[in-house]
Amino acid sequence: MNIGRPEEMLRVVGTAPGGNAGRFLKDDEAGRGRQPVLDDYETAVSQHGIRAIPTVVAPDGRRVIGAVPLSEHQRVLGV
């Protein structure tokens, strides 16, 4: 799925509990939400050295980088 394409995100919004496709389209067209995402990315890079998406940081600092099986997340998080 390309989350950069509004038509693909509409499918997700439409199936999410409380999802509002009309509001999503309106907000997307107005550019709302873009800056907070860019700010979060900049913080991840500058403060935490994260260079890949997705990256999950465990409480002990270990990282799971990239699209990996759920079992790898469970192993690192001790679940």
PDB file of N, CA and C in Angstrom:
ATOM      1  N   MET A   1       0.844  -1.175   0.000  1.00  0.00           N
ATOM      2  CA  MET A   1       0.000   0.000   0.000  1.00  0.00           C
ATOM      3  C   MET A   1       0.887   1.235   0.000  1.00  0.00           C
ATOM      4  N   ASN A   2       0.537   2.182  -0.814  1.00  0.00           N
ATOM      5  CA  ASN A   2       1.259   3.455  -0.863  1.00  0.00           C
ATOM      6  C   ASN A   2       0.459   4.482  -0.065  1.00  0.00           C
ATOM      7  N   ILE A   3       0.902   4.750   1.177  1.00  0.00           N
ATOM      8  CA  ILE A   3       0.141   5.675   2.028  1.00  0.00           C
ATOM      9  C   ILE A   3       0.267   7.119   1.573  1.00  0.00           C
ATOM     10  N   GLY A   4       1.057   7.361   0.541  1.00  0.00           N
ATOM     11  CA  GLY A   4       1.146   8.691  -0.045  1.00  0.00           C
ATOM     12  C   GLY A   4       0.025   8.964  -1.039  1.00  0.00           C
ATOM     13  N   ARG A   5      -0.773   7.956  -1.334  1.00  0.00           N
ATOM     14  CA  ARG A   5      -1.884   8.099  -2.272  1.00  0.00           C
ATOM     15  C   ARG A   5      -3.191   8.162  -1.503  1.00  0.00           C
ATOM     16  N   PRO A   6      -3.869   9.310  -1.563  1.00  0.00           N
ATOM     17  CA  PRO A   6      -5.123   9.464  -0.804  1.00  0.00           C
ATOM     18  C   PRO A   6      -6.153   8.380  -1.091  1.00  0.00           C
ATOM     19  N   GLU A   7      -6.253   7.933  -2.328  1.00  0.00           N
ATOM     20  CA  GLU A   7      -7.265   6.913  -2.650  1.00  0.00           C
ATOM     21  C   GLU A   7      -6.977   5.592  -1.936  1.00  0.00           C
ATOM     22  N   GLU A   8      -5.709   5.299  -1.692  1.00  0.00           N
ATOM     23  CA  GLU A   8      -5.391   4.082  -0.949  1.00  0.00           C
ATOM     24  C   GLU A   8      -5.655   4.279   0.539  1.00  0.00           C
ATOM     25  N   MET A   9      -5.356   5.454   1.047  1.00  0.00           N
ATOM     26  CA  MET A   9      -5.618   5.737   2.459  1.00  0.00           C
ATOM     27  C   MET A   9      -7.116   5.759   2.749  1.00  0.00           C
ATOM     28  N   LEU A  10      -7.916   6.147   1.771  1.00  0.00           N
ATOM     29  CA  LEU A  10      -9.367   6.149   1.968  1.00  0.00           C
ATOM     30  C   LEU A  10      -9.887   4.763   2.311  1.00  0.00           C
ATOM     31  N   ARG A  11      -9.290   3.741   1.720  1.00  0.00           N
ATOM     32  CA  ARG A  11      -9.707   2.375   2.055  1.00  0.00           C
ATOM     33  C   ARG A  11      -9.434   2.067   3.520  1.00  0.00           C
ATOM     34  N   VAL A  12      -8.313   2.549   4.034  1.00  0.00           N
ATOM     35  CA  VAL A  12      -7.971   2.330   5.438  1.00  0.00           C
ATOM     36  C   VAL A  12      -8.909   3.137   6.329  1.00  0.00           C
ATOM     37  N   VAL A  13      -9.076   4.401   6.006  1.00  0.00           N
ATOM     38  CA  VAL A  13      -9.941   5.283   6.801  1.00  0.00           C
ATOM     39  C   VAL A  13     -11.358   4.727   6.825  1.00  0.00           C
ATOM     40  N   GLY A  14     -11.817   4.218   5.694  1.00  0.00           N
ATOM     41  CA  GLY A  14     -13.183   3.692   5.606  1.00  0.00           C
ATOM     42  C   GLY A  14     -13.425   2.459   6.448  1.00  0.00           C
ATOM     43  N   THR A  15     -12.369   1.714   6.768  1.00  0.00           N
ATOM     44  CA  THR A  15     -12.539   0.497   7.570  1.00  0.00           C
ATOM     45  C   THR A  15     -12.157   0.688   9.034  1.00  0.00           C
ATOM     46  N   ALA A  16     -11.560   1.826   9.358  1.00  0.00           N
ATOM     47  CA  ALA A  16     -11.136   2.076  10.744  1.00  0.00           C
ATOM     48  C   ALA A  16     -12.332   2.503  11.591  1.00  0.00           C
ATOM     49  N   PRO A  17     -12.416   1.983  12.808  1.00  0.00           N
ATOM     50  CA  PRO A  17     -13.499   2.427  13.697  1.00  0.00           C
ATOM     51  C   PRO A  17     -13.437   3.945  13.873  1.00  0.00           C
ATOM     52  N   GLY A  18     -14.548   4.618  13.619  1.00  0.00           N
ATOM     53  CA  GLY A  18     -14.599   6.065  13.758  1.00  0.00           C
ATOM     54  C   GLY A  18     -13.995   6.811  12.582  1.00  0.00           C
ATOM     55  N   GLY A  19     -13.563   6.081  11.552  1.00  0.00           N
ATOM     56  CA  GLY A  19     -12.959   6.716  10.377  1.00  0.00           C
ATOM     57  C   GLY A  19     -13.968   7.608   9.664  1.00  0.00           C
ATOM     58  N   ASN A  20     -13.494   8.717   9.163  1.00  0.00           N
ATOM     59  CA  ASN A  20     -14.360   9.679   8.486  1.00  0.00           C
ATOM     60  C   ASN A  20     -13.694  10.055   7.160  1.00  0.00           C
ATOM     61  N   ALA A  21     -14.138   9.404   6.091  1.00  0.00           N
ATOM     62  CA  ALA A  21     -13.515   9.605   4.781  1.00  0.00           C
ATOM     63  C   ALA A  21     -13.637  11.048   4.311  1.00  0.00           C
ATOM     64  N   GLY A  22     -14.771  11.673   4.552  1.00  0.00           N
ATOM     65  CA  GLY A  22     -14.960  13.064   4.139  1.00  0.00           C
ATOM     66  C   GLY A  22     -13.975  13.993   4.828  1.00  0.00           C
ATOM     67  N   ARG A  23     -13.821  13.826   6.114  1.00  0.00           N
ATOM     68  CA  ARG A  23     -12.867  14.665   6.848  1.00  0.00           C
ATOM     69  C   ARG A  23     -11.441  14.380   6.394  1.00  0.00           C
ATOM     70  N   PHE A  24     -11.131  13.106   6.173  1.00  0.00           N
ATOM     71  CA  PHE A  24      -9.789  12.762   5.708  1.00  0.00           C
ATOM     72  C   PHE A  24      -9.474  13.494   4.408  1.00  0.00           C
ATOM     73  N   LEU A  25     -10.386  13.438   3.446  1.00  0.00           N
ATOM     74  CA  LEU A  25     -10.151  14.101   2.159  1.00  0.00           C
ATOM     75  C   LEU A  25      -9.993  15.609   2.323  1.00  0.00           C
ATOM     76  N   LYS A  26     -10.854  16.196   3.132  1.00  0.00           N
ATOM     77  CA  LYS A  26     -10.783  17.645   3.368  1.00  0.00           C
ATOM     78  C   LYS A  26      -9.449  18.019   4.011  1.00  0.00           C
ATOM     79  N   ASP A  27      -9.049  17.288   5.039  1.00  0.00           N
ATOM     80  CA  ASP A  27      -7.783  17.563   5.724  1.00  0.00           C
ATOM     81  C   ASP A  27      -6.587  17.314   4.806  1.00  0.00           C
ATOM     82  N   ASP A  28      -6.654  16.251   4.011  1.00  0.00           N
ATOM     83  CA  ASP A  28      -5.554  15.948   3.094  1.00  0.00           C
ATOM     84  C   ASP A  28      -5.395  17.060   2.060  1.00  0.00           C
ATOM     85  N   GLU A  29      -6.496  17.507   1.487  1.00  0.00           N
ATOM     86  CA  GLU A  29      -6.440  18.569   0.479  1.00  0.00           C
ATOM     87  C   GLU A  29      -5.911  19.875   1.069  1.00  0.00           C
ATOM     88  N   ALA A  30      -6.198  20.124   2.344  1.00  0.00           N
ATOM     89  CA  ALA A  30      -5.739  21.350   3.007  1.00  0.00           C
ATOM     90  C   ALA A  30      -4.301  21.220   3.528  1.00  0.00           C
ATOM     91  N   GLY A  31      -3.737  20.014   3.473  1.00  0.00           N
ATOM     92  CA  GLY A  31      -2.375  19.802   3.954  1.00  0.00           C
ATOM     93  C   GLY A  31      -2.276  19.638   5.462  1.00  0.00           C
ATOM     94  N   ARG A  32      -3.419  19.501   6.136  1.00  0.00           N
ATOM     95  CA  ARG A  32      -3.385  19.303   7.586  1.00  0.00           C
ATOM     96  C   ARG A  32      -2.761  17.950   7.910  1.00  0.00           C
ATOM     97  N   GLY A  33      -1.982  17.928   8.929  1.00  0.00           N
ATOM     98  CA  GLY A  33      -1.356  16.687   9.364  1.00  0.00           C
ATOM     99  C   GLY A  33       0.022  16.474   8.781  1.00  0.00           C
ATOM    100  N   ARG A  34       0.320  17.101   7.674  1.00  0.00           N
ATOM    101  CA  ARG A  34       1.625  16.902   7.033  1.00  0.00           C
ATOM    102  C   ARG A  34       2.767  17.419   7.897  1.00  0.00           C
ATOM    103  N   GLN A  35       2.636  18.630   8.414  1.00  0.00           N
ATOM    104  CA  GLN A  35       3.727  19.213   9.192  1.00  0.00           C
ATOM    105  C   GLN A  35       4.022  18.438  10.477  1.00  0.00           C
ATOM    106  N   PRO A  36       3.006  18.011  11.233  1.00  0.00           N
ATOM    107  CA  PRO A  36       3.327  17.215  12.424  1.00  0.00           C
ATOM    108  C   PRO A  36       4.083  15.927  12.095  1.00  0.00           C
ATOM    109  N   VAL A  37       3.755  15.300  10.975  1.00  0.00           N
ATOM    110  CA  VAL A  37       4.466  14.077  10.574  1.00  0.00           C
ATOM    111  C   VAL A  37       5.917  14.409  10.225  1.00  0.00           C
ATOM    112  N   LEU A  38       6.121  15.492   9.485  1.00  0.00           N
ATOM    113  CA  LEU A  38       7.485  15.904   9.147  1.00  0.00           C
ATOM    114  C   LEU A  38       8.281  16.277  10.395  1.00  0.00           C
ATOM    115  N   ASP A  39       7.624  16.934  11.351  1.00  0.00           N
ATOM    116  CA  ASP A  39       8.285  17.287  12.611  1.00  0.00           C
ATOM    117  C   ASP A  39       8.698  16.034  13.381  1.00  0.00           C
ATOM    118  N   ASP A  40       7.813  15.040  13.443  1.00  0.00           N
ATOM    119  CA  ASP A  40       8.132  13.781  14.129  1.00  0.00           C
ATOM    120  C   ASP A  40       9.318  13.095  13.455  1.00  0.00           C
ATOM    121  N   TYR A  41       9.334  13.102  12.138  1.00  0.00           N
ATOM    122  CA  TYR A  41      10.438  12.487  11.401  1.00  0.00           C
ATOM    123  C   TYR A  41      11.751  13.207  11.722  1.00  0.00           C
ATOM    124  N   GLU A  42      11.724  14.531  11.703  1.00  0.00           N
ATOM    125  CA  GLU A  42      12.938  15.309  11.990  1.00  0.00           C
ATOM    126  C   GLU A  42      13.448  15.022  13.403  1.00  0.00           C
ATOM    127  N   THR A  43      12.546  14.901  14.365  1.00  0.00           N
ATOM    128  CA  THR A  43      12.930  14.565  15.736  1.00  0.00           C
ATOM    129  C   THR A  43      13.553  13.172  15.790  1.00  0.00           C
ATOM    130  N   ALA A  44      12.946  12.221  15.083  1.00  0.00           N
ATOM    131  CA  ALA A  44      13.482  10.854  15.065  1.00  0.00           C
ATOM    132  C   ALA A  44      14.903  10.831  14.512  1.00  0.00           C
ATOM    133  N   VAL A  45      15.135  11.612  13.469  1.00  0.00           N
ATOM    134  CA  VAL A  45      16.465  11.650  12.854  1.00  0.00           C
ATOM    135  C   VAL A  45      17.463  12.377  13.745  1.00  0.00           C
ATOM    136  N   SER A  46      17.104  13.575  14.182  1.00  0.00           N
ATOM    137  CA  SER A  46      18.068  14.412  14.897  1.00  0.00           C
ATOM    138  C   SER A  46      18.319  13.965  16.338  1.00  0.00           C
ATOM    139  N   GLN A  47      17.299  13.484  17.022  1.00  0.00           N
ATOM    140  CA  GLN A  47      17.466  13.134  18.434  1.00  0.00           C
ATOM    141  C   GLN A  47      17.739  11.650  18.669  1.00  0.00           C
ATOM    142  N   HIS A  48      17.302  10.815  17.735  1.00  0.00           N
ATOM    143  CA  HIS A  48      17.414   9.379  17.975  1.00  0.00           C
ATOM    144  C   HIS A  48      18.221   8.646  16.903  1.00  0.00           C
ATOM    145  N   GLY A  49      18.661   9.360  15.888  1.00  0.00           N
ATOM    146  CA  GLY A  49      19.474   8.749  14.849  1.00  0.00           C
ATOM    147  C   GLY A  49      18.749   7.744  13.976  1.00  0.00           C
ATOM    148  N   ILE A  50      17.454   7.812  13.951  1.00  0.00           N
ATOM    149  CA  ILE A  50      16.669   6.876  13.146  1.00  0.00           C
ATOM    150  C   ILE A  50      16.739   7.307  11.685  1.00  0.00           C
ATOM    151  N   ARG A  51      17.103   6.371  10.840  1.00  0.00           N
ATOM    152  CA  ARG A  51      17.261   6.664   9.413  1.00  0.00           C
ATOM    153  C   ARG A  51      16.363   5.800   8.534  1.00  0.00           C
ATOM    154  N   ALA A  52      15.681   4.824   9.118  1.00  0.00           N
ATOM    155  CA  ALA A  52      14.839   3.923   8.327  1.00  0.00           C
ATOM    156  C   ALA A  52      13.427   3.905   8.890  1.00  0.00           C
ATOM    157  N   ILE A  53      12.476   3.758   7.999  1.00  0.00           N
ATOM    158  CA  ILE A  53      11.075   3.643   8.390  1.00  0.00           C
ATOM    159  C   ILE A  53      10.572   2.340   7.803  1.00  0.00           C
ATOM    160  N   PRO A  54       9.999   1.468   8.619  1.00  0.00           N
ATOM    161  CA  PRO A  54       9.733   1.640  10.040  1.00  0.00           C
ATOM    162  C   PRO A  54      10.929   1.274  10.917  1.00  0.00           C
ATOM    163  N   THR A  55      11.021   1.922  12.053  1.00  0.00           N
ATOM    164  CA  THR A  55      11.953   1.566  13.110  1.00  0.00           C
ATOM    165  C   THR A  55      11.179   1.575  14.420  1.00  0.00           C
ATOM    166  N   VAL A  56      11.270   0.495  15.153  1.00  0.00           N
ATOM    167  CA  VAL A  56      10.636   0.395  16.471  1.00  0.00           C
ATOM    168  C   VAL A  56      11.753   0.336  17.497  1.00  0.00           C
ATOM    169  N   VAL A  57      11.688   1.219  18.495  1.00  0.00           N
ATOM    170  CA  VAL A  57      12.708   1.256  19.545  1.00  0.00           C
ATOM    171  C   VAL A  57      12.106   0.655  20.808  1.00  0.00           C
ATOM    172  N   ALA A  58      12.727  -0.416  21.301  1.00  0.00           N
ATOM    173  CA  ALA A  58      12.268  -1.081  22.517  1.00  0.00           C
ATOM    174  C   ALA A  58      12.667  -0.252  23.735  1.00  0.00           C
ATOM    175  N   PRO A  59      12.015  -0.468  24.867  1.00  0.00           N
ATOM    176  CA  PRO A  59      12.356   0.282  26.080  1.00  0.00           C
ATOM    177  C   PRO A  59      13.835   0.187  26.459  1.00  0.00           C
ATOM    178  N   ASP A  60      14.479  -0.931  26.128  1.00  0.00           N
ATOM    179  CA  ASP A  60      15.901  -1.078  26.467  1.00  0.00           C
ATOM    180  C   ASP A  60      16.824  -0.497  25.392  1.00  0.00           C
ATOM    181  N   GLY A  61      16.251   0.119  24.354  1.00  0.00           N
ATOM    182  CA  GLY A  61      17.038   0.765  23.320  1.00  0.00           C
ATOM    183  C   GLY A  61      17.302  -0.077  22.082  1.00  0.00           C
ATOM    184  N   ARG A  62      17.052  -1.381  22.168  1.00  0.00           N
ATOM    185  CA  ARG A  62      17.231  -2.205  20.967  1.00  0.00           C
ATOM    186  C   ARG A  62      16.227  -1.777  19.912  1.00  0.00           C
ATOM    187  N   ARG A  63      16.584  -1.976  18.653  1.00  0.00           N
ATOM    188  CA  ARG A  63      15.734  -1.526  17.556  1.00  0.00           C
ATOM    189  C   ARG A  63      15.358  -2.668  16.634  1.00  0.00           C
ATOM    190  N   VAL A  64      14.154  -2.564  16.111  1.00  0.00           N
ATOM    191  CA  VAL A  64      13.688  -3.448  15.050  1.00  0.00           C
ATOM    192  C   VAL A  64      13.534  -2.541  13.841  1.00  0.00           C
ATOM    193  N   ILE A  65      14.326  -2.816  12.806  1.00  0.00           N
ATOM    194  CA  ILE A  65      14.371  -1.924  11.654  1.00  0.00           C
ATOM    195  C   ILE A  65      13.846  -2.644  10.424  1.00  0.00           C
ATOM    196  N   GLY A  66      12.941  -1.980   9.741  1.00  0.00           N
ATOM    197  CA  GLY A  66      12.399  -2.502   8.493  1.00  0.00           C
ATOM    198  C   GLY A  66      11.166  -3.354   8.704  1.00  0.00           C
ATOM    199  N   ALA A  67      10.685  -3.871   7.594  1.00  0.00           N
ATOM    200  CA  ALA A  67       9.500  -4.730   7.612  1.00  0.00           C
ATOM    201  C   ALA A  67       9.951  -6.143   7.962  1.00  0.00           C
ATOM    202  N   VAL A  68       9.749  -6.509   9.198  1.00  0.00           N
ATOM    203  CA  VAL A  68      10.184  -7.818   9.687  1.00  0.00           C
ATOM    204  C   VAL A  68       8.980  -8.589  10.206  1.00  0.00           C
ATOM    205  N   PRO A  69       9.105  -9.889  10.348  1.00  0.00           N
ATOM    206  CA  PRO A  69       7.993 -10.676  10.883  1.00  0.00           C
ATOM    207  C   PRO A  69       7.620 -10.242  12.299  1.00  0.00           C
ATOM    208  N   LEU A  70       6.371 -10.434  12.627  1.00  0.00           N
ATOM    209  CA  LEU A  70       5.873 -10.119  13.976  1.00  0.00           C
ATOM    210  C   LEU A  70       6.708 -10.811  15.045  1.00  0.00           C
ATOM    211  N   SER A  71       7.173 -12.004  14.766  1.00  0.00           N
ATOM    212  CA  SER A  71       7.959 -12.750  15.751  1.00  0.00           C
ATOM    213  C   SER A  71       9.231 -11.996  16.151  1.00  0.00           C
ATOM    214  N   GLU A  72       9.802 -11.218  15.240  1.00  0.00           N
ATOM    215  CA  GLU A  72      10.985 -10.426  15.576  1.00  0.00           C
ATOM    216  C   GLU A  72      10.636  -9.298  16.541  1.00  0.00           C
ATOM    217  N   HIS A  73       9.514  -8.654  16.334  1.00  0.00           N
ATOM    218  CA  HIS A  73       9.049  -7.624  17.281  1.00  0.00           C
ATOM    219  C   HIS A  73       8.806  -8.254  18.652  1.00  0.00           C
ATOM    220  N   GLN A  74       8.164  -9.406  18.657  1.00  0.00           N
ATOM    221  CA  GLN A  74       7.867 -10.093  19.913  1.00  0.00           C
ATOM    222  C   GLN A  74       9.160 -10.476  20.637  1.00  0.00           C
ATOM    223  N   ARG A  75      10.149 -10.933  19.887  1.00  0.00           N
ATOM    224  CA  ARG A  75      11.419 -11.334  20.488  1.00  0.00           C
ATOM    225  C   ARG A  75      12.099 -10.125  21.145  1.00  0.00           C
ATOM    226  N   VAL A  76      12.194  -9.034  20.430  1.00  0.00           N
ATOM    227  CA  VAL A  76      12.877  -7.843  20.950  1.00  0.00           C
ATOM    228  C   VAL A  76      12.092  -7.242  22.120  1.00  0.00           C
ATOM    229  N   LEU A  77      10.768  -7.249  22.025  1.00  0.00           N
ATOM    230  CA  LEU A  77       9.956  -6.640  23.083  1.00  0.00           C
ATOM    231  C   LEU A  77       9.672  -7.596  24.225  1.00  0.00           C
ATOM    232  N   GLY A  78      10.078  -8.868  24.074  1.00  0.00           N
ATOM    233  CA  GLY A  78       9.874  -9.843  25.151  1.00  0.00           C
ATOM    234  C   GLY A  78       8.414 -10.205  25.357  1.00  0.00           C
ATOM    235  N   VAL A  79       7.665 -10.212  24.295  1.00  0.00           N
ATOM    236  CA  VAL A  79       6.223 -10.514  24.383  1.00  0.00           C
ATOM    237  C   VAL A  79       5.969 -11.974  24.089  1.00  0.00           C
TER     238      VAL A  79
END
